[in-house]
Structures are given as structure tokens and as C-alpha cells.
């Protein structure tokens, strides 16, 4: 992944509303979620939601399909995986990685 592409995608996710939208779509799985259902789930104004979805579509994190009269949004999982891979591909390349903290089970 190119640095500029990663920066654009991370910038898009840097907005709390867009991050909420994206996480909701990631949780929805391959089926995606209709814009109407997404709007109800997030209790967001239609115009606000549309604006934020458009930003995620532009950077390739979200795709949209039309099913009849319904617009369905999908997380673009290959792009998500590429972005995550970009973030960790050089982890500790010039040093020793810190130990992984194991969460305590209550």
C-alpha cells in the first residue's frame, strides 16, 4: 500500500462518526447494511450519514450496492486488511518488540 493511500484512509477513520460507521459495517459482515438501517442504528441525520459514507467510499474503505431501491453499504475487507498490514509490516524492524500483555481473566 502506498503511504498516501494509507494516510487518506487513516484520515477518514480519524473522524469519530466515520469510525463508528466503519466499525458498524465491519461488524455487519459480508451482507453489509442498508443506509436506512445504519441511520437507525447510529441515530444519525440522513445528510450527515450520507456525507460521512461518501468520505469512506472515496478512500475505498466502503463500497455500496443497490438492491432494488435500497442502498447497501459494505466494509471493503481487502482494503481494511491491507491497511492493517501496512500498519504492522515493519513492526519492530529496527529493534525488539515489547512483550505482548496478556489480559487477565476475571
C-alpha atoms as a PDB file:
ATOM      1  CA  UNK A   1       0.000   0.000   0.000  1.00  0.00           C
ATOM      2  CA  UNK A   2       1.257   3.469  -0.832  1.00  0.00           C
ATOM      3  CA  UNK A   3       1.896   5.884   2.001  1.00  0.00           C
ATOM      4  CA  UNK A   4      -0.537   8.457   0.565  1.00  0.00           C
ATOM      5  CA  UNK A   5      -3.332   5.866   0.339  1.00  0.00           C
ATOM      6  CA  UNK A   6      -2.752   4.745   3.927  1.00  0.00           C
ATOM      7  CA  UNK A   7      -2.711   8.355   5.117  1.00  0.00           C
ATOM      8  CA  UNK A   8      -6.001   9.133   3.327  1.00  0.00           C
ATOM      9  CA  UNK A   9      -7.693   6.079   4.803  1.00  0.00           C
ATOM     10  CA  UNK A  10      -6.422   6.754   8.299  1.00  0.00           C
ATOM     11  CA  UNK A  11      -7.501  10.385   7.985  1.00  0.00           C
ATOM     12  CA  UNK A  12     -11.014   9.265   7.019  1.00  0.00           C
ATOM     13  CA  UNK A  13     -11.140   6.973  10.054  1.00  0.00           C
ATOM     14  CA  UNK A  14      -9.871   9.807  12.265  1.00  0.00           C
ATOM     15  CA  UNK A  15     -13.379  11.247  12.476  1.00  0.00           C
ATOM     16  CA  UNK A  16     -15.417   9.695  15.340  1.00  0.00           C
ATOM     17  CA  UNK A  17     -18.626   9.481  13.296  1.00  0.00           C
ATOM     18  CA  UNK A  18     -16.897   7.830  10.336  1.00  0.00           C
ATOM     19  CA  UNK A  19     -15.101   5.426  12.655  1.00  0.00           C
ATOM     20  CA  UNK A  20     -18.461   4.453  14.198  1.00  0.00           C
ATOM     21  CA  UNK A  21     -19.953   3.918  10.750  1.00  0.00           C
ATOM     22  CA  UNK A  22     -16.989   1.843   9.630  1.00  0.00           C
ATOM     23  CA  UNK A  23     -16.919  -0.327  12.750  1.00  0.00           C
ATOM     24  CA  UNK A  24     -20.652  -0.940  12.389  1.00  0.00           C
ATOM     25  CA  UNK A  25     -20.162  -2.053   8.780  1.00  0.00           C
ATOM     26  CA  UNK A  26     -17.217  -4.272   9.717  1.00  0.00           C
ATOM     27  CA  UNK A  27     -19.435  -5.951  12.329  1.00  0.00           C
ATOM     28  CA  UNK A  28     -22.211  -6.400   9.751  1.00  0.00           C
ATOM     29  CA  UNK A  29     -20.112  -8.854   7.758  1.00  0.00           C
ATOM     30  CA  UNK A  30     -20.300  -9.588   4.059  1.00  0.00           C
ATOM     31  CA  UNK A  31     -24.045  -8.871   3.993  1.00  0.00           C
ATOM     32  CA  UNK A  32     -23.386  -5.212   4.703  1.00  0.00           C
ATOM     33  CA  UNK A  33     -26.086  -2.907   5.981  1.00  0.00           C
ATOM     34  CA  UNK A  34     -28.659  -0.711   4.307  1.00  0.00           C
ATOM     35  CA  UNK A  35     -28.233   3.012   4.709  1.00  0.00           C
ATOM     36  CA  UNK A  36     -31.631   3.178   6.432  1.00  0.00           C
ATOM     37  CA  UNK A  37     -30.690   0.525   8.977  1.00  0.00           C
ATOM     38  CA  UNK A  38     -27.304   2.169   9.511  1.00  0.00           C
ATOM     39  CA  UNK A  39     -29.048   5.504  10.078  1.00  0.00           C
ATOM     40  CA  UNK A  40     -31.401   3.980  12.655  1.00  0.00           C
ATOM     41  CA  UNK A  41     -28.648   2.052  14.401  1.00  0.00           C
ATOM     42  CA  UNK A  42     -26.410   5.115  14.737  1.00  0.00           C
ATOM     43  CA  UNK A  43     -29.258   7.613  15.235  1.00  0.00           C
ATOM     44  CA  UNK A  44     -27.700   9.918  12.642  1.00  0.00           C
ATOM     45  CA  UNK A  45     -29.279  12.519  10.370  1.00  0.00           C
ATOM     46  CA  UNK A  46     -29.558  11.326   6.770  1.00  0.00           C
ATOM     47  CA  UNK A  47     -27.494  14.192   5.345  1.00  0.00           C
ATOM     48  CA  UNK A  48     -24.754  13.720   7.948  1.00  0.00           C
ATOM     49  CA  UNK A  49     -24.626   9.986   7.351  1.00  0.00           C
ATOM     50  CA  UNK A  50     -24.502  10.456   3.591  1.00  0.00           C
ATOM     51  CA  UNK A  51     -21.601  12.898   3.896  1.00  0.00           C
ATOM     52  CA  UNK A  52     -19.570  10.534   6.076  1.00  0.00           C
ATOM     53  CA  UNK A  53     -20.309   7.438   3.990  1.00  0.00           C
ATOM     54  CA  UNK A  54     -19.184   9.325   0.879  1.00  0.00           C
ATOM     55  CA  UNK A  55     -15.839  10.082   2.568  1.00  0.00           C
ATOM     56  CA  UNK A  56     -15.349   6.384   3.336  1.00  0.00           C
ATOM     57  CA  UNK A  57     -16.315   5.388  -0.215  1.00  0.00           C
ATOM     58  CA  UNK A  58     -13.871   7.887  -1.752  1.00  0.00           C
ATOM     59  CA  UNK A  59     -10.897   6.341   0.086  1.00  0.00           C
ATOM     60  CA  UNK A  60     -12.064   2.802  -0.715  1.00  0.00           C
ATOM     61  CA  UNK A  61     -12.920   1.632   2.801  1.00  0.00           C
ATOM     62  CA  UNK A  62     -16.622   1.220   1.958  1.00  0.00           C
ATOM     63  CA  UNK A  63     -18.445   0.064  -1.149  1.00  0.00           C
ATOM     64  CA  UNK A  64     -22.117   0.449  -1.969  1.00  0.00           C
ATOM     65  CA  UNK A  65     -24.512  -1.721  -3.932  1.00  0.00           C
ATOM     66  CA  UNK A  66     -28.086  -1.098  -4.890  1.00  0.00           C
ATOM     67  CA  UNK A  67     -30.614  -3.832  -4.165  1.00  0.00           C
ATOM     68  CA  UNK A  68     -33.817  -2.617  -5.764  1.00  0.00           C
ATOM     69  CA  UNK A  69     -34.495   0.722  -4.105  1.00  0.00           C
ATOM     70  CA  UNK A  70     -32.203   0.009  -1.151  1.00  0.00           C
ATOM     71  CA  UNK A  71     -28.628   1.238  -0.972  1.00  0.00           C
ATOM     72  CA  UNK A  72     -26.446  -1.228   0.934  1.00  0.00           C
ATOM     73  CA  UNK A  73     -23.032  -0.338   2.353  1.00  0.00           C
ATOM     74  CA  UNK A  74     -20.252  -2.881   2.780  1.00  0.00           C
ATOM     75  CA  UNK A  75     -16.907  -2.680   4.526  1.00  0.00           C
ATOM     76  CA  UNK A  76     -14.182  -3.321   1.942  1.00  0.00           C
ATOM     77  CA  UNK A  77     -12.387  -6.094   3.826  1.00  0.00           C
ATOM     78  CA  UNK A  78      -9.404  -6.455   1.435  1.00  0.00           C
ATOM     79  CA  UNK A  79      -8.644  -2.739   1.811  1.00  0.00           C
ATOM     80  CA  UNK A  80      -9.053  -2.996   5.594  1.00  0.00           C
ATOM     81  CA  UNK A  81      -6.631  -5.927   5.718  1.00  0.00           C
ATOM     82  CA  UNK A  82      -4.146  -4.081   3.501  1.00  0.00           C
ATOM     83  CA  UNK A  83      -4.301  -1.038   5.776  1.00  0.00           C
ATOM     84  CA  UNK A  84      -3.788  -3.148   8.892  1.00  0.00           C
ATOM     85  CA  UNK A  85      -0.931  -4.974   7.177  1.00  0.00           C
ATOM     86  CA  UNK A  86       0.650  -1.660   6.235  1.00  0.00           C
ATOM     87  CA  UNK A  87       0.469  -0.581   9.861  1.00  0.00           C
ATOM     88  CA  UNK A  88       2.250  -3.670  11.186  1.00  0.00           C
ATOM     89  CA  UNK A  89       4.521  -4.730   8.330  1.00  0.00           C
ATOM     90  CA  UNK A  90       7.577  -3.063   9.788  1.00  0.00           C
ATOM     91  CA  UNK A  91       6.757  -3.640  13.414  1.00  0.00           C
ATOM     92  CA  UNK A  92       9.995  -3.762  15.384  1.00  0.00           C
ATOM     93  CA  UNK A  93      12.041  -3.940  12.150  1.00  0.00           C
ATOM     94  CA  UNK A  94      14.826  -1.956  13.803  1.00  0.00           C
ATOM     95  CA  UNK A  95      14.519  -3.262  17.325  1.00  0.00           C
ATOM     96  CA  UNK A  96      12.980  -5.787  19.650  1.00  0.00           C
ATOM     97  CA  UNK A  97       9.234  -5.939  20.014  1.00  0.00           C
ATOM     98  CA  UNK A  98       7.935  -5.368  23.527  1.00  0.00           C
ATOM     99  CA  UNK A  99       6.280  -8.368  25.175  1.00  0.00           C
ATOM    100  CA  UNK A 100       2.588  -8.829  24.475  1.00  0.00           C
ATOM    101  CA  UNK A 101       0.480  -8.131  27.536  1.00  0.00           C
ATOM    102  CA  UNK A 102      -1.955 -10.956  28.186  1.00  0.00           C
ATOM    103  CA  UNK A 103      -5.255  -9.672  29.597  1.00  0.00           C
ATOM    104  CA  UNK A 104      -6.188 -11.123  32.962  1.00  0.00           C
ATOM    105  CA  UNK A 105      -9.400 -13.099  33.038  1.00  0.00           C
ATOM    106  CA  UNK A 106     -11.660 -12.127  35.926  1.00  0.00           C
END
